[in-house]
Amino acid sequence: MPRTSASPPTADSAAPAGPSADSALTHGLKQRHLSMIALGGVIGAGLFVGSGAGIAAAGPSIIIAYAISGLLVMMVMRMLGEMSAANPASGSFSVHAERAIGPWAGFTAGWSFWFLLCVAVGLEGIGAAQIVSGWLPGTPEWAWVALFMVIFLGTNLAAVKNFGEFEFWFAALKVIAITLFLVLGLLAIFGVLPDTDAPGLTNLTGDGGFLPKGMDGFIIGLLASVFAYGGLETVTIAAAESENPVQGVAKAVRTAMWRIAVFYIGSMAVIVTLVPWDDPKVAEVGPFYAMLDHLGVGSAAQIMNVVILIALLSAMNANIYGASRMARSLVARGQGPSVLGKISSGVPRNAVMFSSVFGFLCVLLSYWRPDDVFPWLLNMIGAVILVVWIFIAVSQLILRRRTEREAPETLVVRMWFFPIGTIVALAAMVGIFLLMLRQPDTRDQLLATGALTLVLIGLGILRQRRRGDEGADDGTGAGASAEIPAQRK
């Protein structure tokens, strides 16, 4: 049946057995929150700092690398938006994978993403602490990480609207910052900025040309660009707690498309046009700092430190939120310890606490075991986002036909050129895996992520068999939990 209420039930709104009577997540996020969460997911520290390694490897061809990976991300988000608008759920792609493929797939996609987010929380906390410790020498980094954790633990333990407000203003600051960078860069490119000359095509075609390190350099830049886009998936998780999940996720996904083009591809084009790609500062301190310094902007380093700090804190807040909702959704579907599913005042507080503690444990491991355990954790999350994307694509291939038969009115967002578009995206993901195997720096990440994925698949299948899920093997989703609406199975 079509959903007509302003706050329709989500696919995993029921809590597992045993929680308090206040068992439903609230709908406290507004459309402006969702829009800014989508924006915040696009603009991260990976853009401000991590893109420097890609530019140093690929040179000016990094523009093409980001365009190709950006197109892939747009296709993935379109697929995810189609499924999430038809069936809003705080478990997002994990719920879709369970409905399409079986409980083991939902288990694998969900817990691998939870693991990625928790480790990322630790990394972002470390990065933010390093910046603040640089401003206040002598203060311990771990103490700053602990302070940030406490702050965002508080925002996530309170009503979801508090998380939304934090993300709204964090994202707004990032949007303002990057917009100013782009405007400043364009003024310099056209020679309008005082005391600057238009560079023309000198930096794009000189010093080795557009492809200075050949295809090997381009491939390294392409791989770096793919993983810079992670974070967009959080908006489909948050949509389940918005005032109008269906319209909210549809609008947020659609508007995210042009933002990818403007912020990522546009930024790379402006930077490599203004700054020589082999400027050591590009890789050492980041391309945005290198651009500001090139234009003679005073205090460029401190300006960038403030922007990067905001990006890191925003990511910490969003990742704690995303991890807690994913864990709670998994538990609601019988895919984890029931204690994590307890809802209090509309918030899965145990899941928030557990995800935060795990993230802080990763921080402690960076101090206790920096040479073995911590690098092992980093390698394991190296390609998790690609694994998630593959689950999204396969799920959309299966669910699109089923939804067209059973509830076509819910397809308010449609994947482009289905099924060819989905198949092309899947082929591109397989190609990225092959390129990762080819590169020594990424091969270890791929193998470690592969090992994690296989372990989770094994646990998921074992758990599925123990629970006696009927219909899981034939892919119909008949054995899915009660949290997945019957009309959508």
Protein backbone atom coordinates (compact mmCIF):
# COMPACT_ATOMS: atom_id res chain seq x y z
CA MET A 1 0.00 0.00 0.00
CA PRO A 2 1.28 3.51 -0.71
CA ARG A 3 2.37 5.59 2.23
CA THR A 4 0.46 8.80 2.71
CA SER A 5 1.26 10.02 6.21
CA ALA A 6 3.69 12.84 6.87
CA SER A 7 5.93 10.53 8.87
CA PRO A 8 5.60 7.07 7.33
CA PRO A 9 6.86 4.02 9.17
CA THR A 10 10.38 3.03 8.33
CA ALA A 11 11.53 -0.43 7.44
CA ASP A 12 13.22 -1.05 10.72
CA SER A 13 11.15 1.07 13.06
CA ALA A 14 10.28 -1.80 15.34
CA ALA A 15 12.73 -2.53 18.10
CA PRO A 16 13.87 -5.96 19.14
CA ALA A 17 12.20 -7.79 21.93
CA GLY A 18 12.87 -6.42 25.35
CA PRO A 19 13.47 -2.68 24.95
CA SER A 20 11.50 0.04 26.64
CA ALA A 21 8.01 0.97 25.57
CA ASP A 22 9.38 4.03 23.84
CA SER A 23 10.58 1.83 21.02
CA ALA A 24 10.46 3.97 17.88
CA LEU A 25 13.02 6.34 16.46
CA THR A 26 11.74 9.90 16.23
CA HIS A 27 11.30 12.02 13.11
CA GLY A 28 13.17 15.09 14.31
CA LEU A 29 15.23 15.94 11.21
CA LYS A 30 13.98 18.64 8.86
CA GLN A 31 14.60 18.93 5.12
CA ARG A 32 17.26 21.58 5.71
CA HIS A 33 19.08 19.10 7.97
CA LEU A 34 19.01 16.39 5.29
CA SER A 35 20.21 18.77 2.60
CA MET A 36 23.15 19.88 4.73
CA ILE A 37 23.96 16.32 5.80
CA ALA A 38 24.19 15.44 2.11
CA LEU A 39 26.47 18.44 1.58
CA GLY A 40 28.57 17.64 4.62
CA GLY A 41 29.02 14.10 3.37
CA VAL A 42 30.48 15.43 0.13
CA ILE A 43 32.91 17.92 1.71
CA GLY A 44 35.32 16.12 4.02
CA ALA A 45 38.93 16.20 5.11
CA GLY A 46 39.66 13.83 2.22
CA LEU A 47 38.95 16.70 -0.17
CA PHE A 48 40.95 19.32 1.70
CA VAL A 49 44.01 17.16 2.46
CA GLY A 50 43.82 13.70 0.86
CA SER A 51 43.39 15.05 -2.66
CA GLY A 52 46.97 16.31 -2.55
CA ALA A 53 48.39 12.80 -2.97
CA GLY A 54 46.15 12.27 -6.00
CA ILE A 55 47.32 15.52 -7.63
CA ALA A 56 50.98 14.66 -6.95
CA ALA A 57 50.49 11.28 -8.66
CA ALA A 58 48.21 12.17 -11.57
CA GLY A 59 49.08 15.79 -12.25
CA PRO A 60 46.44 17.81 -14.11
CA SER A 61 44.72 14.58 -15.18
CA ILE A 62 43.34 14.41 -11.64
CA ILE A 63 40.42 16.41 -13.07
CA ILE A 64 39.49 13.44 -15.27
CA ALA A 65 40.09 11.01 -12.38
CA TYR A 66 37.65 12.89 -10.14
CA ALA A 67 35.15 13.18 -12.99
CA ILE A 68 35.18 9.41 -13.57
CA SER A 69 34.95 8.49 -9.87
CA GLY A 70 32.37 11.24 -9.36
CA LEU A 71 30.18 9.77 -12.07
CA LEU A 72 30.41 6.36 -10.38
CA VAL A 73 29.43 7.87 -7.03
CA MET A 74 26.48 9.66 -8.65
CA MET A 75 25.28 6.32 -10.04
CA VAL A 76 25.67 4.60 -6.66
CA MET A 77 23.76 7.39 -4.91
CA ARG A 78 21.04 7.24 -7.53
CA MET A 79 20.63 3.50 -6.92
CA LEU A 80 20.63 3.97 -3.17
CA GLY A 81 18.22 6.89 -3.45
CA GLU A 82 15.82 4.77 -5.50
CA MET A 83 15.72 2.03 -2.86
CA SER A 84 15.71 4.39 0.12
CA ALA A 85 12.86 6.53 -1.22
CA ALA A 86 10.83 3.39 -1.90
CA ASN A 87 11.65 1.90 1.51
CA PRO A 88 13.15 4.42 4.01
CA ALA A 89 15.14 2.66 6.74
CA SER A 90 17.80 3.68 9.23
CA GLY A 91 19.67 0.56 8.11
CA SER A 92 19.68 1.90 4.54
CA PHE A 93 21.62 -0.38 2.17
CA SER A 94 21.89 -3.12 4.84
CA VAL A 95 18.09 -3.41 4.87
CA HIS A 96 17.97 -3.33 1.07
CA ALA A 97 20.63 -6.06 0.83
CA GLU A 98 18.68 -8.23 3.27
CA ARG A 99 15.47 -7.81 1.29
CA ALA A 100 17.16 -8.46 -2.05
CA ILE A 101 19.79 -11.11 -1.33
CA GLY A 102 19.21 -12.50 2.15
CA PRO A 103 19.96 -11.90 5.84
CA TRP A 104 23.64 -12.78 5.42
CA ALA A 105 24.06 -9.94 2.92
CA GLY A 106 22.39 -7.41 5.24
CA PHE A 107 24.59 -8.64 8.08
CA THR A 108 27.80 -8.29 6.02
CA ALA A 109 27.00 -4.90 4.50
CA GLY A 110 25.78 -3.46 7.81
CA TRP A 111 28.54 -4.59 10.15
CA SER A 112 31.33 -3.84 7.66
CA PHE A 113 30.01 -0.27 7.32
CA TRP A 114 29.64 0.05 11.10
CA PHE A 115 33.27 -1.05 11.47
CA LEU A 116 34.37 1.48 8.84
CA LEU A 117 32.54 4.34 10.56
CA CYS A 118 33.88 3.52 14.03
CA VAL A 119 37.50 3.33 12.87
CA ALA A 120 36.97 6.55 10.91
CA VAL A 121 35.70 8.25 14.10
CA GLY A 122 39.01 7.42 15.74
CA LEU A 123 41.06 8.67 12.78
CA GLU A 124 39.11 11.91 12.59
CA GLY A 125 39.51 12.44 16.33
CA ILE A 126 43.27 11.98 16.04
CA GLY A 127 43.47 14.43 13.15
CA ALA A 128 41.41 17.05 14.99
CA ALA A 129 43.49 16.61 18.15
CA GLN A 130 46.73 17.13 16.22
CA ILE A 131 45.48 20.47 14.95
CA VAL A 132 44.39 21.70 18.39
CA SER A 133 47.61 20.43 20.01
CA GLY A 134 49.52 22.47 17.43
CA TRP A 135 47.70 25.57 18.65
CA LEU A 136 48.20 24.62 22.31
CA PRO A 137 51.63 22.93 22.54
CA GLY A 138 52.12 20.55 25.43
CA THR A 139 48.52 19.42 25.67
CA PRO A 140 48.05 15.66 25.17
CA GLU A 141 46.35 14.64 21.94
CA TRP A 142 44.43 11.79 23.55
CA ALA A 143 42.79 14.25 25.94
CA TRP A 144 41.48 16.34 23.03
CA VAL A 145 40.15 13.22 21.35
CA ALA A 146 38.39 12.29 24.59
CA LEU A 147 36.88 15.79 24.81
CA PHE A 148 35.59 15.63 21.24
CA MET A 149 34.16 12.18 21.91
CA VAL A 150 32.31 13.43 25.00
CA ILE A 151 30.87 16.40 23.09
CA PHE A 152 29.57 14.32 20.21
CA LEU A 153 28.47 11.56 22.50
CA GLY A 154 26.28 14.18 24.17
CA THR A 155 24.84 15.47 20.89
CA ASN A 156 24.03 11.95 19.73
CA LEU A 157 22.57 10.81 23.05
CA ALA A 158 20.16 13.73 23.01
CA ALA A 159 17.29 14.13 20.55
CA VAL A 160 18.16 13.54 16.90
CA LYS A 161 17.38 17.17 16.10
CA ASN A 162 20.49 18.14 18.08
CA PHE A 163 22.63 16.01 15.79
CA GLY A 164 20.86 17.61 12.83
CA GLU A 165 21.57 21.13 14.09
CA PHE A 166 25.26 20.38 14.67
CA GLU A 167 25.60 18.92 11.18
CA PHE A 168 23.64 21.77 9.64
CA TRP A 169 26.02 24.41 10.93
CA PHE A 170 29.16 22.31 10.40
CA ALA A 171 28.14 21.72 6.79
CA ALA A 172 27.19 25.38 6.33
CA LEU A 173 30.67 26.47 7.42
CA LYS A 174 32.30 23.97 5.05
CA VAL A 175 30.12 25.12 2.16
CA ILE A 176 30.97 28.77 2.82
CA ALA A 177 34.69 27.95 3.01
CA ILE A 178 34.87 25.95 -0.20
CA THR A 179 32.67 28.45 -2.04
CA LEU A 180 35.06 31.24 -1.07
CA PHE A 181 38.02 29.13 -2.25
CA LEU A 182 36.35 28.50 -5.62
CA VAL A 183 35.38 32.15 -6.11
CA LEU A 184 38.89 33.31 -5.17
CA GLY A 185 40.44 30.73 -7.50
CA LEU A 186 38.22 31.66 -10.44
CA LEU A 187 39.02 35.36 -9.96
CA ALA A 188 42.73 34.50 -10.07
CA ILE A 189 42.32 32.27 -13.15
CA PHE A 190 40.61 35.08 -15.08
CA GLY A 191 43.17 37.64 -13.88
CA VAL A 192 40.58 39.67 -11.98
CA LEU A 193 42.24 39.25 -8.57
CA PRO A 194 44.56 42.18 -7.74
CA ASP A 195 48.31 41.53 -8.11
CA THR A 196 47.77 38.23 -9.96
CA ASP A 197 48.18 37.31 -13.61
CA ALA A 198 45.93 34.84 -15.40
CA PRO A 199 47.89 31.55 -15.61
CA GLY A 200 46.24 30.40 -18.83
CA LEU A 201 46.97 26.75 -19.64
CA THR A 202 50.58 26.82 -18.43
CA ASN A 203 50.08 24.53 -15.44
CA LEU A 204 47.74 22.20 -17.33
CA THR A 205 49.94 21.52 -20.36
CA GLY A 206 53.47 22.38 -19.21
CA ASP A 207 55.89 20.45 -17.00
CA GLY A 208 55.17 16.99 -18.35
CA GLY A 209 51.82 17.77 -19.92
CA PHE A 210 48.31 16.85 -18.83
CA LEU A 211 49.39 13.26 -18.01
CA PRO A 212 52.89 13.79 -16.58
CA LYS A 213 53.33 10.36 -14.98
CA GLY A 214 51.49 8.35 -17.60
CA MET A 215 48.69 5.90 -16.93
CA ASP A 216 50.31 4.57 -13.75
CA GLY A 217 50.09 8.01 -12.15
CA PHE A 218 46.56 8.46 -13.42
CA ILE A 219 45.48 5.13 -11.90
CA ILE A 220 46.91 6.13 -8.51
CA GLY A 221 45.02 9.42 -8.72
CA LEU A 222 41.84 7.61 -9.74
CA LEU A 223 42.02 5.25 -6.75
CA ALA A 224 42.67 8.19 -4.40
CA SER A 225 39.66 10.03 -5.82
CA VAL A 226 37.29 7.07 -5.43
CA PHE A 227 37.81 6.82 -1.69
CA ALA A 228 37.56 10.58 -1.18
CA TYR A 229 33.82 10.42 -1.87
CA GLY A 230 32.88 8.23 1.10
CA GLY A 231 30.26 9.69 3.44
CA LEU A 232 27.33 10.38 1.15
CA GLU A 233 25.59 7.22 2.34
CA THR A 234 24.80 8.77 5.73
CA VAL A 235 22.01 10.91 4.28
CA THR A 236 19.95 7.81 3.43
CA ILE A 237 20.41 6.59 7.02
CA ALA A 238 19.32 9.95 8.42
CA ALA A 239 16.31 10.17 6.08
CA ALA A 240 14.47 7.53 8.12
CA GLU A 241 14.35 10.02 11.03
CA SER A 242 13.22 12.98 8.97
CA GLU A 243 9.77 14.57 8.91
CA ASN A 244 9.07 13.18 5.46
CA PRO A 245 11.48 10.33 4.65
CA VAL A 246 10.37 9.67 1.08
CA GLN A 247 10.47 13.24 -0.22
CA GLY A 248 13.45 14.06 1.99
CA VAL A 249 15.79 11.39 0.67
CA ALA A 250 14.63 11.94 -2.91
CA LYS A 251 15.45 15.65 -2.79
CA ALA A 252 18.74 15.18 -0.93
CA VAL A 253 20.00 12.55 -3.38
CA ARG A 254 19.03 14.59 -6.43
CA THR A 255 20.71 17.78 -5.23
CA ALA A 256 23.86 15.87 -4.21
CA MET A 257 24.59 15.20 -7.89
CA TRP A 258 25.55 18.73 -8.95
CA ARG A 259 27.29 19.35 -5.64
CA ILE A 260 29.74 16.55 -6.42
CA ALA A 261 30.56 18.20 -9.74
CA VAL A 262 30.97 21.68 -8.26
CA PHE A 263 32.88 20.92 -5.09
CA TYR A 264 35.15 18.05 -6.12
CA ILE A 265 35.71 18.32 -9.86
CA GLY A 266 35.54 22.11 -9.77
CA SER A 267 38.06 22.30 -6.91
CA MET A 268 40.54 20.04 -8.68
CA ALA A 269 40.23 22.05 -11.91
CA VAL A 270 40.83 25.37 -10.12
CA ILE A 271 43.78 24.08 -8.09
CA VAL A 272 45.76 22.44 -10.91
CA THR A 273 45.12 25.46 -13.14
CA LEU A 274 46.59 27.85 -10.56
CA VAL A 275 49.28 25.76 -8.85
CA PRO A 276 51.98 23.62 -10.51
CA TRP A 277 51.02 20.00 -9.84
CA ASP A 278 54.56 19.17 -8.66
CA ASP A 279 54.68 21.93 -6.05
CA PRO A 280 55.85 20.05 -2.90
CA LYS A 281 53.27 21.88 -0.77
CA VAL A 282 50.41 20.20 -2.67
CA ALA A 283 51.21 16.79 -1.20
CA GLU A 284 52.85 17.89 2.03
CA VAL A 285 50.29 20.32 3.45
CA GLY A 286 47.35 20.02 1.07
CA PRO A 287 46.30 21.54 -2.27
CA PHE A 288 43.98 24.17 -0.78
CA TYR A 289 46.75 25.52 1.42
CA ALA A 290 49.09 25.45 -1.60
CA MET A 291 46.58 27.50 -3.61
CA LEU A 292 46.10 30.11 -0.87
CA ASP A 293 49.83 30.35 -0.36
CA HIS A 294 50.37 30.68 -4.13
CA LEU A 295 47.93 33.59 -4.20
CA GLY A 296 49.70 35.28 -1.30
CA VAL A 297 46.87 34.92 1.20
CA GLY A 298 48.22 35.64 4.66
CA SER A 299 47.84 33.04 7.40
CA ALA A 300 46.91 30.42 4.78
CA ALA A 301 48.02 27.59 7.05
CA GLN A 302 45.84 28.69 9.95
CA ILE A 303 42.84 29.29 7.71
CA MET A 304 43.15 25.76 6.35
CA ASN A 305 43.65 24.31 9.82
CA VAL A 306 40.34 25.84 10.95
CA VAL A 307 38.51 24.51 7.88
CA ILE A 308 40.03 21.04 8.22
CA LEU A 309 39.21 20.99 11.96
CA ILE A 310 35.56 21.78 11.15
CA ALA A 311 35.52 19.03 8.50
CA LEU A 312 36.99 16.49 10.91
CA LEU A 313 34.61 17.35 13.75
CA SER A 314 31.65 17.23 11.37
CA ALA A 315 32.73 13.79 10.17
CA MET A 316 33.12 12.54 13.76
CA ASN A 317 29.60 13.68 14.61
CA ALA A 318 28.08 12.17 11.46
CA ASN A 319 29.94 8.88 11.76
CA ILE A 320 28.91 8.32 15.39
CA TYR A 321 25.34 8.93 14.30
CA GLY A 322 25.58 6.64 11.27
CA ALA A 323 27.29 3.84 13.19
CA SER A 324 24.73 3.90 16.00
CA ARG A 325 21.76 3.81 13.62
CA MET A 326 23.27 1.02 11.56
CA ALA A 327 23.96 -1.03 14.70
CA ARG A 328 20.44 -0.45 15.99
CA SER A 329 18.91 -1.43 12.65
CA LEU A 330 20.94 -4.64 12.54
CA VAL A 331 19.80 -5.55 16.05
CA ALA A 332 16.18 -4.77 15.18
CA ARG A 333 16.49 -7.38 12.43
CA GLY A 334 18.04 -9.98 14.73
CA GLN A 335 21.57 -9.40 13.42
CA GLY A 336 23.32 -8.42 16.65
CA PRO A 337 23.20 -8.29 20.46
CA SER A 338 19.75 -7.16 21.59
CA VAL A 339 21.15 -4.78 24.22
CA LEU A 340 22.21 -2.40 21.43
CA GLY A 341 18.62 -2.08 20.25
CA LYS A 342 17.28 -0.38 23.38
CA ILE A 343 15.56 2.90 22.49
CA SER A 344 15.22 5.72 25.03
CA SER A 345 13.41 8.96 24.14
CA GLY A 346 13.68 8.04 20.48
CA VAL A 347 17.46 7.52 20.58
CA PRO A 348 19.37 4.17 20.48
CA ARG A 349 21.60 5.24 23.36
CA ASN A 350 23.35 1.91 23.93
CA ALA A 351 24.30 1.79 20.25
CA VAL A 352 25.61 5.36 20.45
CA MET A 353 27.71 4.50 23.51
CA PHE A 354 29.04 1.26 22.03
CA SER A 355 30.02 2.88 18.72
CA SER A 356 31.75 5.78 20.49
CA VAL A 357 33.68 3.51 22.83
CA PHE A 358 34.84 1.35 19.92
CA GLY A 359 35.98 4.49 18.08
CA PHE A 360 37.97 5.67 21.12
CA LEU A 361 39.50 2.20 21.45
CA CYS A 362 40.86 2.65 17.93
CA VAL A 363 42.46 5.90 19.09
CA LEU A 364 44.11 4.15 22.04
CA LEU A 365 45.40 1.42 19.71
CA SER A 366 47.12 4.12 17.65
CA TYR A 367 49.19 4.86 20.78
CA TRP A 368 49.50 1.35 22.21
CA ARG A 369 50.09 -0.64 19.00
CA PRO A 370 51.05 1.87 16.29
CA ASP A 371 53.20 -0.57 14.32
CA ASP A 372 50.99 -3.64 14.02
CA VAL A 373 47.38 -3.61 15.25
CA PHE A 374 46.51 -0.04 14.20
CA PRO A 375 47.86 -0.35 10.61
CA TRP A 376 45.99 -3.65 10.37
CA LEU A 377 42.74 -1.87 11.29
CA LEU A 378 43.43 0.83 8.70
CA ASN A 379 44.04 -1.75 5.98
CA MET A 380 40.80 -3.56 6.82
CA ILE A 381 38.69 -0.47 6.17
CA GLY A 382 40.63 0.45 3.02
CA ALA A 383 38.12 -0.93 0.50
CA VAL A 384 34.99 -1.39 2.65
CA ILE A 385 33.15 1.38 0.82
CA LEU A 386 33.59 -0.52 -2.46
CA VAL A 387 32.14 -3.65 -0.87
CA VAL A 388 29.14 -1.60 0.30
CA TRP A 389 28.69 -0.13 -3.19
CA ILE A 390 28.63 -3.60 -4.72
CA PHE A 391 25.90 -4.67 -2.29
CA ILE A 392 23.97 -1.51 -3.24
CA ALA A 393 24.22 -2.21 -6.96
CA VAL A 394 23.30 -5.89 -6.71
CA SER A 395 20.39 -5.07 -4.39
CA GLN A 396 19.06 -2.42 -6.77
CA LEU A 397 19.22 -4.84 -9.72
CA ILE A 398 17.03 -7.28 -7.80
CA LEU A 399 14.67 -4.89 -6.01
CA ARG A 400 13.87 -2.66 -8.99
CA ARG A 401 11.99 -5.43 -10.80
CA ARG A 402 10.26 -6.52 -7.61
CA THR A 403 9.17 -2.98 -6.76
CA GLU A 404 7.86 -2.40 -10.28
CA ARG A 405 5.63 -5.45 -9.84
CA GLU A 406 4.47 -4.90 -6.26
CA ALA A 407 4.59 -1.15 -5.50
CA PRO A 408 5.48 0.92 -8.59
CA GLU A 409 4.08 4.08 -7.00
CA THR A 410 7.04 4.11 -4.56
CA LEU A 411 9.62 4.59 -7.34
CA VAL A 412 9.85 8.35 -6.90
CA VAL A 413 13.58 8.18 -7.70
CA ARG A 414 14.71 5.96 -10.58
CA MET A 415 18.17 4.75 -11.54
CA TRP A 416 19.29 6.12 -14.89
CA PHE A 417 19.27 3.75 -17.89
CA PHE A 418 18.25 0.73 -15.82
CA PRO A 419 19.50 -2.01 -15.98
CA ILE A 420 22.42 -0.97 -18.21
CA GLY A 421 23.44 1.86 -15.88
CA THR A 422 23.60 -0.46 -12.86
CA ILE A 423 25.55 -3.11 -14.77
CA VAL A 424 28.07 -0.53 -16.01
CA ALA A 425 28.54 0.73 -12.44
CA LEU A 426 29.13 -2.83 -11.21
CA ALA A 427 31.69 -3.39 -13.96
CA ALA A 428 33.46 -0.18 -12.93
CA MET A 429 33.63 -1.39 -9.31
CA VAL A 430 35.17 -4.68 -10.41
CA GLY A 431 37.65 -2.68 -12.49
CA ILE A 432 38.64 -0.64 -9.43
CA PHE A 433 39.24 -3.86 -7.49
CA LEU A 434 41.56 -5.06 -10.27
CA LEU A 435 43.43 -1.75 -10.27
CA MET A 436 43.87 -2.02 -6.50
CA LEU A 437 45.41 -5.46 -6.93
CA ARG A 438 47.80 -3.97 -9.47
CA GLN A 439 49.10 -1.28 -7.10
CA PRO A 440 51.37 -2.39 -4.20
CA ASP A 441 50.10 0.39 -1.90
CA THR A 442 46.46 -0.63 -2.27
CA ARG A 443 46.89 -4.39 -2.64
CA ASP A 444 47.31 -4.91 1.10
CA GLN A 445 44.19 -2.84 1.78
CA LEU A 446 42.16 -4.89 -0.67
CA LEU A 447 43.34 -8.19 0.79
CA ALA A 448 42.67 -7.07 4.37
CA THR A 449 39.20 -5.79 3.46
CA GLY A 450 38.56 -9.02 1.57
CA ALA A 451 39.47 -11.05 4.65
CA LEU A 452 37.12 -8.95 6.83
CA THR A 453 34.31 -9.33 4.29
CA LEU A 454 34.74 -13.11 4.06
CA VAL A 455 34.68 -13.43 7.86
CA LEU A 456 31.46 -11.40 8.04
CA ILE A 457 29.88 -13.39 5.21
CA GLY A 458 30.75 -16.61 7.05
CA LEU A 459 29.29 -15.32 10.31
CA GLY A 460 26.21 -14.05 8.49
CA ILE A 461 25.55 -17.38 6.77
CA LEU A 462 26.14 -19.30 10.00
CA ARG A 463 23.76 -17.00 11.88
CA GLN A 464 21.17 -17.30 9.13
CA ARG A 465 21.29 -21.08 9.19
CA ARG A 466 21.06 -21.20 12.97
CA ARG A 467 17.98 -19.02 12.92
CA GLY A 468 16.43 -21.22 10.26
CA ASP A 469 15.60 -18.32 7.95
CA GLU A 470 13.17 -19.61 5.37
CA GLY A 471 13.39 -18.40 1.82
CA ALA A 472 16.86 -16.83 2.24
CA ASP A 473 18.52 -19.14 -0.28
CA ASP A 474 16.10 -18.36 -3.11
CA GLY A 475 16.70 -14.62 -2.81
CA THR A 476 13.05 -13.72 -2.29
CA GLY A 477 13.62 -12.23 1.14
CA ALA A 478 10.83 -14.35 2.59
CA GLY A 479 12.90 -15.11 5.65
CA ALA A 480 13.66 -11.50 6.44
CA SER A 481 12.80 -10.15 9.83
CA ALA A 482 9.53 -8.56 10.82
CA GLU A 483 11.17 -5.14 10.66
CA ILE A 484 11.00 -5.31 6.84
CA PRO A 485 7.43 -4.54 5.71
CA ALA A 486 5.61 -7.54 4.30
CA GLN A 487 4.42 -5.70 1.20
CA ARG A 488 8.03 -4.95 0.26
CA LYS A 489 9.45 -8.45 0.61
